[in-house]
Amino acid sequence: MRSTVMPIIEMHLMAGRTVEQKRRVAHAVSQAAAQALDVDINTVRILITEHGVDEFSVAGVTVGERNEARQAGNALT
């Protein structure tokens, strides 16, 4: 018997993906979750949050800073 519990999946992406890419990933993840969790695909919810280059950092350095350093020929750790 299939579960009726609604899985909610949060996905965080860097801004810049196309609408088609986001639709493809939402479809693929929904299918995978429905199959793996044995739920009806109509119960799967996906929330996509996009982040700009200055809203995501690693080791205190934003992606924007890393991109700027790369363009200048400098490597940041």
C-alpha atoms as a PDB file:
ATOM      1  CA  MET A   1       0.000   0.000   0.000  1.00  0.00           C
ATOM      2  CA  ARG A   2       1.356   3.393  -0.990  1.00  0.00           C
ATOM      3  CA  SER A   3       1.959   6.021   1.627  1.00  0.00           C
ATOM      4  CA  THR A   4      -0.055   9.225   1.434  1.00  0.00           C
ATOM      5  CA  VAL A   5       2.544  11.217   3.357  1.00  0.00           C
ATOM      6  CA  MET A   6       3.606  14.209   1.279  1.00  0.00           C
ATOM      7  CA  PRO A   7       7.382  14.440   0.775  1.00  0.00           C
ATOM      8  CA  ILE A   8       8.664  18.020   0.541  1.00  0.00           C
ATOM      9  CA  ILE A   9      12.084  18.450  -1.059  1.00  0.00           C
ATOM     10  CA  GLU A  10      14.118  21.656  -0.844  1.00  0.00           C
ATOM     11  CA  MET A  11      16.638  22.311  -3.603  1.00  0.00           C
ATOM     12  CA  HIS A  12      19.140  25.181  -3.470  1.00  0.00           C
ATOM     13  CA  LEU A  13      20.714  26.203  -6.772  1.00  0.00           C
ATOM     14  CA  MET A  14      23.018  28.969  -7.900  1.00  0.00           C
ATOM     15  CA  ALA A  15      21.070  31.446 -10.034  1.00  0.00           C
ATOM     16  CA  GLY A  16      21.473  31.129 -13.780  1.00  0.00           C
ATOM     17  CA  ARG A  17      19.776  27.836 -14.626  1.00  0.00           C
ATOM     18  CA  THR A  18      17.197  27.970 -17.399  1.00  0.00           C
ATOM     19  CA  VAL A  19      13.508  27.338 -16.811  1.00  0.00           C
ATOM     20  CA  GLU A  20      13.883  24.136 -18.852  1.00  0.00           C
ATOM     21  CA  GLN A  21      16.729  22.893 -16.622  1.00  0.00           C
ATOM     22  CA  LYS A  22      14.705  23.566 -13.475  1.00  0.00           C
ATOM     23  CA  ARG A  23      11.701  21.771 -14.982  1.00  0.00           C
ATOM     24  CA  ARG A  24      13.865  18.772 -15.915  1.00  0.00           C
ATOM     25  CA  VAL A  25      15.405  18.465 -12.464  1.00  0.00           C
ATOM     26  CA  ALA A  26      12.020  18.877 -10.753  1.00  0.00           C
ATOM     27  CA  HIS A  27      10.565  16.117 -12.940  1.00  0.00           C
ATOM     28  CA  ALA A  28      13.514  13.760 -12.412  1.00  0.00           C
ATOM     29  CA  VAL A  29      13.678  14.309  -8.642  1.00  0.00           C
ATOM     30  CA  SER A  30       9.899  13.919  -8.317  1.00  0.00           C
ATOM     31  CA  GLN A  31       9.994  10.594 -10.160  1.00  0.00           C
ATOM     32  CA  ALA A  32      12.944   9.346  -8.110  1.00  0.00           C
ATOM     33  CA  ALA A  33      11.380  10.386  -4.798  1.00  0.00           C
ATOM     34  CA  ALA A  34       8.010   8.840  -5.669  1.00  0.00           C
ATOM     35  CA  GLN A  35       9.658   5.556  -6.592  1.00  0.00           C
ATOM     36  CA  ALA A  36      12.102   5.442  -3.673  1.00  0.00           C
ATOM     37  CA  LEU A  37       9.500   6.446  -1.087  1.00  0.00           C
ATOM     38  CA  ASP A  38       6.658   4.451  -2.658  1.00  0.00           C
ATOM     39  CA  VAL A  39       4.349   7.465  -2.857  1.00  0.00           C
ATOM     40  CA  ASP A  40       2.133   8.817  -5.598  1.00  0.00           C
ATOM     41  CA  ILE A  41       4.087  11.362  -7.649  1.00  0.00           C
ATOM     42  CA  ASN A  42       1.208  13.808  -7.159  1.00  0.00           C
ATOM     43  CA  THR A  43       2.127  14.059  -3.471  1.00  0.00           C
ATOM     44  CA  VAL A  44       5.753  15.106  -4.112  1.00  0.00           C
ATOM     45  CA  ARG A  45       6.497  18.809  -3.541  1.00  0.00           C
ATOM     46  CA  ILE A  46       9.743  20.523  -4.565  1.00  0.00           C
ATOM     47  CA  LEU A  47      10.836  23.994  -3.499  1.00  0.00           C
ATOM     48  CA  ILE A  48      13.632  25.522  -5.576  1.00  0.00           C
ATOM     49  CA  THR A  49      15.512  28.439  -4.056  1.00  0.00           C
ATOM     50  CA  GLU A  50      18.040  30.264  -6.198  1.00  0.00           C
ATOM     51  CA  HIS A  51      21.055  32.076  -4.789  1.00  0.00           C
ATOM     52  CA  GLY A  52      23.176  34.769  -6.390  1.00  0.00           C
ATOM     53  CA  VAL A  53      26.961  34.727  -6.386  1.00  0.00           C
ATOM     54  CA  ASP A  54      27.111  36.979  -3.341  1.00  0.00           C
ATOM     55  CA  GLU A  55      24.593  34.934  -1.351  1.00  0.00           C
ATOM     56  CA  PHE A  56      26.677  31.745  -1.183  1.00  0.00           C
ATOM     57  CA  SER A  57      30.113  31.392   0.327  1.00  0.00           C
ATOM     58  CA  VAL A  58      32.668  28.725   1.123  1.00  0.00           C
ATOM     59  CA  ALA A  59      35.217  29.361   3.880  1.00  0.00           C
ATOM     60  CA  GLY A  60      34.036  32.952   4.145  1.00  0.00           C
ATOM     61  CA  VAL A  61      34.582  33.727   0.464  1.00  0.00           C
ATOM     62  CA  THR A  62      31.568  34.305  -1.770  1.00  0.00           C
ATOM     63  CA  VAL A  63      31.226  32.697  -5.173  1.00  0.00           C
ATOM     64  CA  GLY A  64      31.327  36.229  -6.600  1.00  0.00           C
ATOM     65  CA  GLU A  65      34.715  36.847  -4.980  1.00  0.00           C
ATOM     66  CA  ARG A  66      35.988  33.500  -6.278  1.00  0.00           C
ATOM     67  CA  ASN A  67      34.795  34.349  -9.799  1.00  0.00           C
ATOM     68  CA  GLU A  68      36.495  37.763  -9.636  1.00  0.00           C
ATOM     69  CA  ALA A  69      39.752  36.203  -8.426  1.00  0.00           C
ATOM     70  CA  ARG A  70      39.620  33.556 -11.160  1.00  0.00           C
ATOM     71  CA  GLN A  71      39.129  36.245 -13.825  1.00  0.00           C
ATOM     72  CA  ALA A  72      42.082  38.180 -12.396  1.00  0.00           C
ATOM     73  CA  GLY A  73      44.235  35.034 -12.533  1.00  0.00           C
ATOM     74  CA  ASN A  74      44.328  34.521  -8.761  1.00  0.00           C
ATOM     75  CA  ALA A  75      43.232  31.327  -7.070  1.00  0.00           C
ATOM     76  CA  LEU A  76      41.310  31.443  -3.784  1.00  0.00           C
ATOM     77  CA  THR A  77      41.239  28.429  -1.531  1.00  0.00           C
END
